[in-house]
């Protein structure tokens, strides 16, 4: 949450605005780092992240998990 919120706001807490509109902020998470994945994505969503990139594996469960969290539903993420 903090990293995304800070990237989207000035030091005084006001949203960053540019002449070309608001800047996009995304997160890049590694699929192989499994334990903090849902927590980190949920925090990023609360801070209004613009996009999510997943690497280091095939994140088949992530789209469904993001949809469930956006709808306020419970979700799970398998840990290998």
N, C-alpha and C. Protein backbone atom coordinates (compact mmCIF):
# COMPACT_ATOMS: atom_id res chain seq x y z
N UNK A 1 0.82 -1.19 0.00
CA UNK A 1 0.00 0.00 0.00
C UNK A 1 0.86 1.25 0.00
N UNK A 2 1.79 1.32 0.92
CA UNK A 2 2.61 2.54 1.11
C UNK A 2 3.37 2.91 -0.14
N UNK A 3 4.01 1.94 -0.76
CA UNK A 3 4.83 2.25 -1.93
C UNK A 3 3.99 2.82 -3.07
N UNK A 4 2.83 2.25 -3.30
CA UNK A 4 1.96 2.73 -4.38
C UNK A 4 1.40 4.10 -4.02
N UNK A 5 0.93 4.26 -2.79
CA UNK A 5 0.36 5.55 -2.39
C UNK A 5 1.40 6.67 -2.50
N UNK A 6 2.61 6.41 -2.02
CA UNK A 6 3.67 7.42 -2.09
C UNK A 6 4.04 7.75 -3.53
N UNK A 7 4.01 6.77 -4.41
CA UNK A 7 4.33 7.01 -5.81
C UNK A 7 3.26 7.85 -6.50
N UNK A 8 2.04 7.82 -5.98
CA UNK A 8 0.93 8.55 -6.61
C UNK A 8 0.65 9.91 -5.98
N UNK A 9 1.41 10.28 -4.93
CA UNK A 9 1.14 11.53 -4.21
C UNK A 9 2.40 12.35 -3.98
N UNK A 10 2.22 13.66 -3.88
CA UNK A 10 3.29 14.57 -3.53
C UNK A 10 3.58 14.47 -2.04
N UNK A 11 4.63 15.17 -1.59
CA UNK A 11 5.01 15.14 -0.18
C UNK A 11 3.92 15.67 0.73
N UNK A 12 3.07 16.58 0.23
CA UNK A 12 2.00 17.14 1.05
C UNK A 12 0.74 16.28 1.03
N UNK A 13 0.78 15.14 0.34
CA UNK A 13 -0.36 14.23 0.29
C UNK A 13 -1.30 14.47 -0.88
N UNK A 14 -1.07 15.52 -1.65
CA UNK A 14 -1.94 15.79 -2.80
C UNK A 14 -1.56 14.85 -3.95
N UNK A 15 -2.55 14.45 -4.74
CA UNK A 15 -2.25 13.56 -5.87
C UNK A 15 -1.34 14.25 -6.89
N UNK A 16 -0.46 13.48 -7.48
CA UNK A 16 0.43 14.01 -8.51
C UNK A 16 -0.38 14.21 -9.78
N UNK A 17 -0.32 15.41 -10.32
CA UNK A 17 -1.00 15.74 -11.58
C UNK A 17 0.05 16.30 -12.53
N UNK A 18 -0.02 15.91 -13.78
CA UNK A 18 0.89 16.45 -14.79
C UNK A 18 0.06 17.06 -15.90
N UNK A 19 0.73 17.73 -16.81
CA UNK A 19 0.00 18.34 -17.93
C UNK A 19 -0.58 17.28 -18.85
N UNK A 20 -0.07 16.06 -18.75
CA UNK A 20 -0.56 14.96 -19.59
C UNK A 20 -1.51 14.05 -18.83
N UNK A 21 -1.96 14.45 -17.66
CA UNK A 21 -2.85 13.63 -16.85
C UNK A 21 -2.11 12.99 -15.69
N UNK A 22 -2.77 12.11 -15.01
CA UNK A 22 -2.16 11.42 -13.88
C UNK A 22 -1.16 10.39 -14.38
N UNK A 23 -0.08 10.21 -13.62
CA UNK A 23 0.89 9.19 -13.97
C UNK A 23 0.37 7.81 -13.59
N UNK A 24 0.77 6.82 -14.34
CA UNK A 24 0.39 5.45 -14.02
C UNK A 24 1.42 4.84 -13.09
N UNK A 25 0.94 4.08 -12.13
CA UNK A 25 1.81 3.39 -11.19
C UNK A 25 1.44 1.91 -11.21
N UNK A 26 2.44 1.07 -11.38
CA UNK A 26 2.20 -0.36 -11.39
C UNK A 26 3.11 -1.07 -10.41
N UNK A 27 2.80 -2.32 -10.16
CA UNK A 27 3.64 -3.15 -9.30
C UNK A 27 4.11 -4.36 -10.10
N UNK A 28 5.30 -4.80 -9.81
CA UNK A 28 5.88 -5.98 -10.44
C UNK A 28 6.16 -6.98 -9.32
N UNK A 29 5.48 -8.08 -9.33
CA UNK A 29 5.64 -9.10 -8.29
C UNK A 29 6.14 -10.39 -8.92
N UNK A 30 6.92 -11.13 -8.15
CA UNK A 30 7.42 -12.42 -8.60
C UNK A 30 6.45 -13.52 -8.15
N UNK A 31 6.02 -14.32 -9.09
CA UNK A 31 5.09 -15.41 -8.77
C UNK A 31 5.73 -16.39 -7.79
N UNK A 32 7.03 -16.61 -7.90
CA UNK A 32 7.72 -17.57 -7.02
C UNK A 32 7.77 -17.12 -5.56
N UNK A 33 7.67 -15.82 -5.30
CA UNK A 33 7.65 -15.32 -3.92
C UNK A 33 6.18 -15.35 -3.50
N UNK A 34 5.75 -16.46 -2.95
CA UNK A 34 4.33 -16.74 -2.81
C UNK A 34 3.67 -16.20 -1.55
N UNK A 35 4.31 -16.27 -0.41
CA UNK A 35 3.62 -15.94 0.84
C UNK A 35 3.05 -14.51 0.89
N UNK A 36 3.78 -13.48 0.48
CA UNK A 36 3.22 -12.13 0.60
C UNK A 36 2.39 -11.68 -0.60
N UNK A 37 2.20 -12.55 -1.58
CA UNK A 37 1.58 -12.12 -2.84
C UNK A 37 0.20 -11.50 -2.65
N UNK A 38 -0.73 -12.20 -2.02
CA UNK A 38 -2.09 -11.66 -1.88
C UNK A 38 -2.11 -10.40 -1.03
N UNK A 39 -1.33 -10.38 0.04
CA UNK A 39 -1.31 -9.20 0.90
C UNK A 39 -0.78 -7.98 0.15
N UNK A 40 0.29 -8.20 -0.59
CA UNK A 40 0.91 -7.10 -1.32
C UNK A 40 0.00 -6.61 -2.44
N UNK A 41 -0.67 -7.51 -3.14
CA UNK A 41 -1.59 -7.10 -4.20
C UNK A 41 -2.82 -6.39 -3.64
N UNK A 42 -3.32 -6.86 -2.52
CA UNK A 42 -4.48 -6.20 -1.90
C UNK A 42 -4.12 -4.78 -1.46
N UNK A 43 -2.97 -4.61 -0.85
CA UNK A 43 -2.53 -3.28 -0.46
C UNK A 43 -2.37 -2.37 -1.66
N UNK A 44 -1.80 -2.89 -2.73
CA UNK A 44 -1.64 -2.10 -3.94
C UNK A 44 -3.00 -1.70 -4.51
N UNK A 45 -3.96 -2.61 -4.46
CA UNK A 45 -5.31 -2.29 -4.95
C UNK A 45 -5.96 -1.21 -4.08
N UNK A 46 -5.77 -1.28 -2.78
CA UNK A 46 -6.33 -0.25 -1.89
C UNK A 46 -5.74 1.12 -2.19
N UNK A 47 -4.48 1.15 -2.63
CA UNK A 47 -3.82 2.41 -2.97
C UNK A 47 -4.09 2.81 -4.43
N UNK A 48 -4.95 2.06 -5.11
CA UNK A 48 -5.38 2.36 -6.48
C UNK A 48 -4.25 2.20 -7.50
N UNK A 49 -3.55 1.07 -7.41
CA UNK A 49 -2.52 0.75 -8.40
C UNK A 49 -3.18 0.68 -9.78
N UNK A 50 -2.43 1.06 -10.81
CA UNK A 50 -2.99 1.09 -12.16
C UNK A 50 -2.80 -0.23 -12.91
N UNK A 51 -1.74 -0.95 -12.62
CA UNK A 51 -1.55 -2.25 -13.26
C UNK A 51 -0.65 -3.14 -12.42
N UNK A 52 -0.75 -4.45 -12.69
CA UNK A 52 0.04 -5.47 -11.98
C UNK A 52 0.76 -6.30 -13.02
N UNK A 53 2.05 -6.47 -12.83
CA UNK A 53 2.85 -7.35 -13.68
C UNK A 53 3.38 -8.47 -12.80
N UNK A 54 3.24 -9.70 -13.27
CA UNK A 54 3.74 -10.85 -12.53
C UNK A 54 4.78 -11.56 -13.38
N UNK A 55 5.88 -11.95 -12.75
CA UNK A 55 6.93 -12.67 -13.46
C UNK A 55 7.42 -13.84 -12.65
N UNK A 56 8.46 -14.49 -13.14
CA UNK A 56 9.10 -15.64 -12.49
C UNK A 56 8.12 -16.78 -12.26
N UNK A 57 7.39 -17.12 -13.28
CA UNK A 57 6.42 -18.21 -13.19
C UNK A 57 5.19 -17.89 -14.02
N UNK A 58 4.24 -18.77 -13.99
CA UNK A 58 2.99 -18.57 -14.72
C UNK A 58 1.90 -18.32 -13.69
N UNK A 59 1.47 -17.07 -13.53
CA UNK A 59 0.52 -16.70 -12.48
C UNK A 59 -0.94 -16.95 -12.85
N UNK A 60 -1.32 -18.19 -13.04
CA UNK A 60 -2.67 -18.51 -13.49
C UNK A 60 -3.76 -18.11 -12.49
N UNK A 61 -3.45 -18.10 -11.19
CA UNK A 61 -4.46 -17.81 -10.18
C UNK A 61 -4.63 -16.31 -9.92
N UNK A 62 -3.70 -15.49 -10.37
CA UNK A 62 -3.72 -14.07 -10.03
C UNK A 62 -4.93 -13.32 -10.58
N UNK A 63 -5.31 -13.48 -11.85
CA UNK A 63 -6.49 -12.73 -12.33
C UNK A 63 -7.75 -13.01 -11.52
N UNK A 64 -7.99 -14.25 -11.18
CA UNK A 64 -9.16 -14.60 -10.37
C UNK A 64 -9.07 -14.03 -8.97
N UNK A 65 -7.88 -14.05 -8.39
CA UNK A 65 -7.68 -13.49 -7.04
C UNK A 65 -7.92 -11.99 -7.05
N UNK A 66 -7.41 -11.29 -8.06
CA UNK A 66 -7.63 -9.84 -8.17
C UNK A 66 -9.11 -9.52 -8.34
N UNK A 67 -9.80 -10.29 -9.17
CA UNK A 67 -11.24 -10.08 -9.36
C UNK A 67 -12.00 -10.29 -8.06
N UNK A 68 -11.65 -11.35 -7.32
CA UNK A 68 -12.33 -11.64 -6.06
C UNK A 68 -12.09 -10.52 -5.04
N UNK A 69 -10.84 -10.06 -4.94
CA UNK A 69 -10.54 -8.98 -3.99
C UNK A 69 -11.26 -7.69 -4.39
N UNK A 70 -11.33 -7.41 -5.68
CA UNK A 70 -12.03 -6.20 -6.15
C UNK A 70 -13.51 -6.27 -5.83
N UNK A 71 -14.06 -7.48 -5.81
CA UNK A 71 -15.49 -7.67 -5.50
C UNK A 71 -15.73 -7.80 -4.00
N UNK A 72 -14.66 -7.74 -3.19
CA UNK A 72 -14.80 -7.85 -1.74
C UNK A 72 -15.01 -9.26 -1.25
N UNK A 73 -14.64 -10.24 -2.07
CA UNK A 73 -14.82 -11.65 -1.70
C UNK A 73 -13.52 -12.23 -1.18
N UNK A 74 -13.63 -13.34 -0.46
CA UNK A 74 -12.46 -14.07 0.01
C UNK A 74 -11.76 -14.72 -1.18
N UNK A 75 -10.46 -14.89 -1.07
CA UNK A 75 -9.71 -15.56 -2.11
C UNK A 75 -8.56 -16.34 -1.50
N UNK A 76 -8.00 -17.22 -2.26
CA UNK A 76 -6.86 -18.01 -1.82
C UNK A 76 -5.78 -17.99 -2.89
N UNK A 77 -4.57 -18.34 -2.47
CA UNK A 77 -3.46 -18.44 -3.40
C UNK A 77 -2.63 -19.63 -2.97
N UNK A 78 -2.47 -20.63 -3.84
CA UNK A 78 -1.73 -21.83 -3.43
C UNK A 78 -0.26 -21.54 -3.19
N UNK A 79 0.29 -22.18 -2.17
CA UNK A 79 1.70 -22.05 -1.84
C UNK A 79 2.34 -23.42 -2.08
N UNK A 80 3.35 -23.43 -2.94
CA UNK A 80 4.03 -24.70 -3.25
C UNK A 80 5.09 -25.01 -2.23
